[in-house]
Amino acid sequence: MSEFKAIESQDELDKIIESRLARQKESIESKYADYDKLQAKNTELETTVGTLQKTVEDSNKSTAANEKTVSDLNAKIAGYETANLRTRIALQNGLPYDLADRLVGDDEESIKADAERLSTFVKGKESVPPLGSTEPPSDKDEDGAYKSLIDNLNLEGE
């Protein structure tokens, strides 16, 4: 080190302080030379993060809307499949098309069981045609007397 030298004027003090401040400034600038670059990069990354968060929120909203649409469409498809199954089972059991909506059940077996039960009421028992009448015709009407006269005529021999 250099030997101590007393400061005798203000100019000497200003030079000593300036040199000390310059060394301190160089030291700080060397340590933090990338500070401005880092600050700019940080601002850029914050902007990117904000944009990405907005994109994620929009994607989540879109996904939720698409999932709701898919679930609604799946429910419609299930309804159509059930209606088709009911119609097919109703026609297999001889039920009218209009009664297909009356069938109840959660699965195919329960719908078939309900269709079989309902078909016994709808079809009914086969009716047997009535037998021929064994009673003689009545002569109570106007033509009855003429009919019996013609039936009793013996047209042979004349």
C-alpha atoms as a PDB file:
ATOM      1  CA  MET A   1       0.000   0.000   0.000  1.00  0.00           C
ATOM      2  CA  SER A   2       0.960   3.484  -0.432  1.00  0.00           C
ATOM      3  CA  GLU A   3       1.933   5.635   2.357  1.00  0.00           C
ATOM      4  CA  PHE A   4      -0.597   7.934   3.991  1.00  0.00           C
ATOM      5  CA  LYS A   5      -0.677  11.375   2.532  1.00  0.00           C
ATOM      6  CA  ALA A   6      -2.644  14.146   4.105  1.00  0.00           C
ATOM      7  CA  ILE A   7      -5.266  15.909   2.030  1.00  0.00           C
ATOM      8  CA  GLU A   8      -4.576  19.579   1.813  1.00  0.00           C
ATOM      9  CA  SER A   9      -7.152  20.907  -0.644  1.00  0.00           C
ATOM     10  CA  GLN A  10     -10.714  20.352  -1.750  1.00  0.00           C
ATOM     11  CA  ASP A  11      -9.584  19.379  -5.277  1.00  0.00           C
ATOM     12  CA  GLU A  12      -7.482  16.556  -3.907  1.00  0.00           C
ATOM     13  CA  LEU A  13     -10.450  15.329  -1.823  1.00  0.00           C
ATOM     14  CA  ASP A  14     -12.752  15.493  -4.880  1.00  0.00           C
ATOM     15  CA  LYS A  15     -10.256  13.477  -6.970  1.00  0.00           C
ATOM     16  CA  ILE A  16      -9.896  10.838  -4.271  1.00  0.00           C
ATOM     17  CA  ILE A  17     -13.680  10.565  -3.860  1.00  0.00           C
ATOM     18  CA  GLU A  18     -14.209  10.478  -7.659  1.00  0.00           C
ATOM     19  CA  SER A  19     -11.713   7.660  -8.061  1.00  0.00           C
ATOM     20  CA  ARG A  20     -13.332   5.746  -5.207  1.00  0.00           C
ATOM     21  CA  LEU A  21     -16.840   6.249  -6.681  1.00  0.00           C
ATOM     22  CA  ALA A  22     -15.610   5.180 -10.124  1.00  0.00           C
ATOM     23  CA  ARG A  23     -14.174   1.952  -8.682  1.00  0.00           C
ATOM     24  CA  GLN A  24     -17.420   1.311  -6.784  1.00  0.00           C
ATOM     25  CA  LYS A  25     -19.478   1.985  -9.916  1.00  0.00           C
ATOM     26  CA  GLU A  26     -17.327  -0.413 -11.950  1.00  0.00           C
ATOM     27  CA  SER A  27     -17.722  -3.018  -9.248  1.00  0.00           C
ATOM     28  CA  ILE A  28     -21.495  -2.672  -9.209  1.00  0.00           C
ATOM     29  CA  GLU A  29     -21.755  -2.550 -12.996  1.00  0.00           C
ATOM     30  CA  SER A  30     -19.657  -5.673 -13.339  1.00  0.00           C
ATOM     31  CA  LYS A  31     -21.865  -7.492 -10.826  1.00  0.00           C
ATOM     32  CA  TYR A  32     -25.086  -6.217 -12.335  1.00  0.00           C
ATOM     33  CA  ALA A  33     -24.132  -5.785 -15.974  1.00  0.00           C
ATOM     34  CA  ASP A  34     -26.989  -8.038 -17.051  1.00  0.00           C
ATOM     35  CA  TYR A  35     -29.559  -6.285 -14.829  1.00  0.00           C
ATOM     36  CA  ASP A  36     -31.194  -4.365 -17.682  1.00  0.00           C
ATOM     37  CA  LYS A  37     -31.261  -7.478 -19.835  1.00  0.00           C
ATOM     38  CA  LEU A  38     -32.753  -9.472 -16.991  1.00  0.00           C
ATOM     39  CA  GLN A  39     -35.327  -6.808 -16.310  1.00  0.00           C
ATOM     40  CA  ALA A  40     -36.362  -6.738 -19.996  1.00  0.00           C
ATOM     41  CA  LYS A  41     -36.475 -10.553 -20.069  1.00  0.00           C
ATOM     42  CA  ASN A  42     -38.574 -10.575 -16.882  1.00  0.00           C
ATOM     43  CA  THR A  43     -41.074  -8.136 -18.411  1.00  0.00           C
ATOM     44  CA  GLU A  44     -41.232 -10.244 -21.548  1.00  0.00           C
ATOM     45  CA  LEU A  45     -41.800 -13.445 -19.551  1.00  0.00           C
ATOM     46  CA  GLU A  46     -44.527 -11.808 -17.451  1.00  0.00           C
ATOM     47  CA  THR A  47     -46.315 -10.789 -20.649  1.00  0.00           C
ATOM     48  CA  THR A  48     -45.959 -14.326 -22.013  1.00  0.00           C
ATOM     49  CA  VAL A  49     -47.272 -15.835 -18.774  1.00  0.00           C
ATOM     50  CA  GLY A  50     -50.300 -13.510 -18.861  1.00  0.00           C
ATOM     51  CA  THR A  51     -51.029 -14.493 -22.459  1.00  0.00           C
ATOM     52  CA  LEU A  52     -50.645 -18.181 -21.685  1.00  0.00           C
ATOM     53  CA  GLN A  53     -52.937 -17.932 -18.654  1.00  0.00           C
ATOM     54  CA  LYS A  54     -55.600 -16.273 -20.785  1.00  0.00           C
ATOM     55  CA  THR A  55     -55.186 -19.022 -23.383  1.00  0.00           C
ATOM     56  CA  VAL A  56     -55.518 -21.710 -20.696  1.00  0.00           C
ATOM     57  CA  GLU A  57     -58.691 -20.081 -19.341  1.00  0.00           C
ATOM     58  CA  ASP A  58     -60.168 -19.865 -22.839  1.00  0.00           C
ATOM     59  CA  SER A  59     -59.232 -23.498 -23.491  1.00  0.00           C
ATOM     60  CA  ASN A  60     -60.848 -24.585 -20.222  1.00  0.00           C
ATOM     61  CA  LYS A  61     -64.049 -22.745 -21.096  1.00  0.00           C
ATOM     62  CA  SER A  62     -64.041 -24.258 -24.566  1.00  0.00           C
ATOM     63  CA  THR A  63     -63.368 -27.727 -23.178  1.00  0.00           C
ATOM     64  CA  ALA A  64     -66.190 -27.399 -20.662  1.00  0.00           C
ATOM     65  CA  ALA A  65     -68.587 -26.310 -23.401  1.00  0.00           C
ATOM     66  CA  ASN A  66     -67.481 -29.200 -25.634  1.00  0.00           C
ATOM     67  CA  GLU A  67     -67.863 -31.718 -22.807  1.00  0.00           C
ATOM     68  CA  LYS A  68     -71.386 -30.441 -22.124  1.00  0.00           C
ATOM     69  CA  THR A  69     -72.243 -30.750 -25.817  1.00  0.00           C
ATOM     70  CA  VAL A  70     -70.843 -34.276 -25.947  1.00  0.00           C
ATOM     71  CA  SER A  71     -72.784 -35.340 -22.856  1.00  0.00           C
ATOM     72  CA  ASP A  72     -76.013 -33.848 -24.272  1.00  0.00           C
ATOM     73  CA  LEU A  73     -75.477 -35.660 -27.575  1.00  0.00           C
ATOM     74  CA  ASN A  74     -74.704 -38.926 -25.775  1.00  0.00           C
ATOM     75  CA  ALA A  75     -77.941 -38.558 -23.814  1.00  0.00           C
ATOM     76  CA  LYS A  76     -79.853 -38.003 -27.079  1.00  0.00           C
ATOM     77  CA  ILE A  77     -78.222 -41.052 -28.655  1.00  0.00           C
ATOM     78  CA  ALA A  78     -79.144 -43.171 -25.635  1.00  0.00           C
ATOM     79  CA  GLY A  79     -82.743 -41.935 -25.913  1.00  0.00           C
ATOM     80  CA  TYR A  80     -82.890 -42.815 -29.608  1.00  0.00           C
ATOM     81  CA  GLU A  81     -81.405 -46.244 -28.981  1.00  0.00           C
ATOM     82  CA  THR A  82     -83.929 -46.921 -26.226  1.00  0.00           C
ATOM     83  CA  ALA A  83     -86.813 -45.790 -28.440  1.00  0.00           C
ATOM     84  CA  ASN A  84     -85.538 -48.011 -31.258  1.00  0.00           C
ATOM     85  CA  LEU A  85     -85.258 -50.959 -28.869  1.00  0.00           C
ATOM     86  CA  ARG A  86     -88.794 -50.395 -27.551  1.00  0.00           C
ATOM     87  CA  THR A  87     -90.195 -50.168 -31.080  1.00  0.00           C
ATOM     88  CA  ARG A  88     -88.409 -53.337 -32.176  1.00  0.00           C
ATOM     89  CA  ILE A  89     -89.579 -55.293 -29.123  1.00  0.00           C
ATOM     90  CA  ALA A  90     -93.140 -53.990 -29.490  1.00  0.00           C
ATOM     91  CA  LEU A  91     -93.309 -55.107 -33.117  1.00  0.00           C
ATOM     92  CA  GLN A  92     -91.785 -58.501 -32.252  1.00  0.00           C
ATOM     93  CA  ASN A  93     -94.524 -59.049 -29.676  1.00  0.00           C
ATOM     94  CA  GLY A  94     -97.317 -57.979 -32.010  1.00  0.00           C
ATOM     95  CA  LEU A  95     -98.032 -54.674 -30.302  1.00  0.00           C
ATOM     96  CA  PRO A  96     -99.131 -51.650 -32.337  1.00  0.00           C
ATOM     97  CA  TYR A  97     -96.453 -49.074 -33.109  1.00  0.00           C
ATOM     98  CA  ASP A  98     -98.269 -46.476 -30.986  1.00  0.00           C
ATOM     99  CA  LEU A  99     -97.894 -48.611 -27.865  1.00  0.00           C
ATOM    100  CA  ALA A 100     -94.122 -48.906 -28.186  1.00  0.00           C
ATOM    101  CA  ASP A 101     -93.674 -45.758 -26.085  1.00  0.00           C
ATOM    102  CA  ARG A 102     -95.710 -47.343 -23.282  1.00  0.00           C
ATOM    103  CA  LEU A 103     -93.120 -50.038 -22.677  1.00  0.00           C
ATOM    104  CA  VAL A 104     -90.987 -49.498 -19.579  1.00  0.00           C
ATOM    105  CA  GLY A 105     -87.702 -50.946 -18.427  1.00  0.00           C
ATOM    106  CA  ASP A 106     -84.038 -50.159 -17.997  1.00  0.00           C
ATOM    107  CA  ASP A 107     -82.604 -52.957 -20.083  1.00  0.00           C
ATOM    108  CA  GLU A 108     -83.685 -55.224 -22.921  1.00  0.00           C
ATOM    109  CA  GLU A 109     -84.925 -58.066 -20.691  1.00  0.00           C
ATOM    110  CA  SER A 110     -87.219 -55.841 -18.617  1.00  0.00           C
ATOM    111  CA  ILE A 111     -88.631 -54.183 -21.755  1.00  0.00           C
ATOM    112  CA  LYS A 112     -89.280 -57.619 -23.292  1.00  0.00           C
ATOM    113  CA  ALA A 113     -91.053 -58.770 -20.127  1.00  0.00           C
ATOM    114  CA  ASP A 114     -93.244 -55.666 -20.145  1.00  0.00           C
ATOM    115  CA  ALA A 115     -94.039 -56.143 -23.852  1.00  0.00           C
ATOM    116  CA  GLU A 116     -95.072 -59.756 -23.262  1.00  0.00           C
ATOM    117  CA  ARG A 117     -97.354 -58.716 -20.405  1.00  0.00           C
ATOM    118  CA  LEU A 118     -98.906 -55.924 -22.448  1.00  0.00           C
ATOM    119  CA  SER A 119     -99.326 -58.132 -25.511  1.00  0.00           C
ATOM    120  CA  THR A 120    -101.590 -60.516 -23.561  1.00  0.00           C
ATOM    121  CA  PHE A 121    -103.990 -57.636 -22.954  1.00  0.00           C
ATOM    122  CA  VAL A 122    -103.800 -56.153 -26.427  1.00  0.00           C
ATOM    123  CA  LYS A 123    -104.065 -59.345 -28.432  1.00  0.00           C
ATOM    124  CA  GLY A 124    -106.756 -60.851 -26.251  1.00  0.00           C
ATOM    125  CA  LYS A 125    -107.961 -64.383 -26.701  1.00  0.00           C
ATOM    126  CA  GLU A 126    -108.783 -65.610 -30.147  1.00  0.00           C
ATOM    127  CA  SER A 127    -112.547 -65.697 -30.424  1.00  0.00           C
ATOM    128  CA  VAL A 128    -114.214 -68.805 -31.755  1.00  0.00           C
ATOM    129  CA  PRO A 129    -116.838 -68.137 -34.401  1.00  0.00           C
ATOM    130  CA  PRO A 130    -120.379 -68.948 -33.282  1.00  0.00           C
ATOM    131  CA  LEU A 131    -121.907 -72.237 -34.275  1.00  0.00           C
ATOM    132  CA  GLY A 132    -124.751 -72.409 -36.752  1.00  0.00           C
ATOM    133  CA  SER A 133    -128.229 -71.892 -35.350  1.00  0.00           C
ATOM    134  CA  THR A 134    -130.189 -75.048 -34.696  1.00  0.00           C
ATOM    135  CA  GLU A 135    -133.497 -73.281 -34.289  1.00  0.00           C
ATOM    136  CA  PRO A 136    -135.960 -73.213 -37.133  1.00  0.00           C
ATOM    137  CA  PRO A 137    -136.431 -69.880 -38.825  1.00  0.00           C
ATOM    138  CA  SER A 138    -139.107 -67.775 -37.326  1.00  0.00           C
ATOM    139  CA  ASP A 139    -142.132 -66.851 -39.371  1.00  0.00           C
ATOM    140  CA  LYS A 140    -142.647 -63.576 -37.687  1.00  0.00           C
ATOM    141  CA  ASP A 141    -141.507 -61.402 -40.538  1.00  0.00           C
ATOM    142  CA  GLU A 142    -143.565 -60.666 -43.664  1.00  0.00           C
ATOM    143  CA  ASP A 143    -141.624 -62.941 -45.948  1.00  0.00           C
ATOM    144  CA  GLY A 144    -141.531 -65.820 -43.488  1.00  0.00           C
ATOM    145  CA  ALA A 145    -144.939 -67.184 -44.524  1.00  0.00           C
ATOM    146  CA  TYR A 146    -144.010 -67.136 -48.200  1.00  0.00           C
ATOM    147  CA  LYS A 147    -140.721 -68.855 -47.483  1.00  0.00           C
ATOM    148  CA  SER A 148    -142.393 -71.668 -45.601  1.00  0.00           C
ATOM    149  CA  LEU A 149    -144.969 -72.026 -48.426  1.00  0.00           C
ATOM    150  CA  ILE A 150    -142.214 -72.361 -51.001  1.00  0.00           C
ATOM    151  CA  ASP A 151    -140.317 -74.828 -48.824  1.00  0.00           C
ATOM    152  CA  ASN A 152    -143.444 -76.992 -48.466  1.00  0.00           C
ATOM    153  CA  LEU A 153    -144.427 -76.984 -52.117  1.00  0.00           C
ATOM    154  CA  ASN A 154    -144.011 -80.253 -53.834  1.00  0.00           C
ATOM    155  CA  LEU A 155    -143.204 -79.409 -57.398  1.00  0.00           C
ATOM    156  CA  GLU A 156    -142.624 -82.908 -58.561  1.00  0.00           C
ATOM    157  CA  GLY A 157    -145.148 -84.558 -60.779  1.00  0.00           C
ATOM    158  CA  GLU A 158    -146.963 -81.706 -62.314  1.00  0.00           C
END
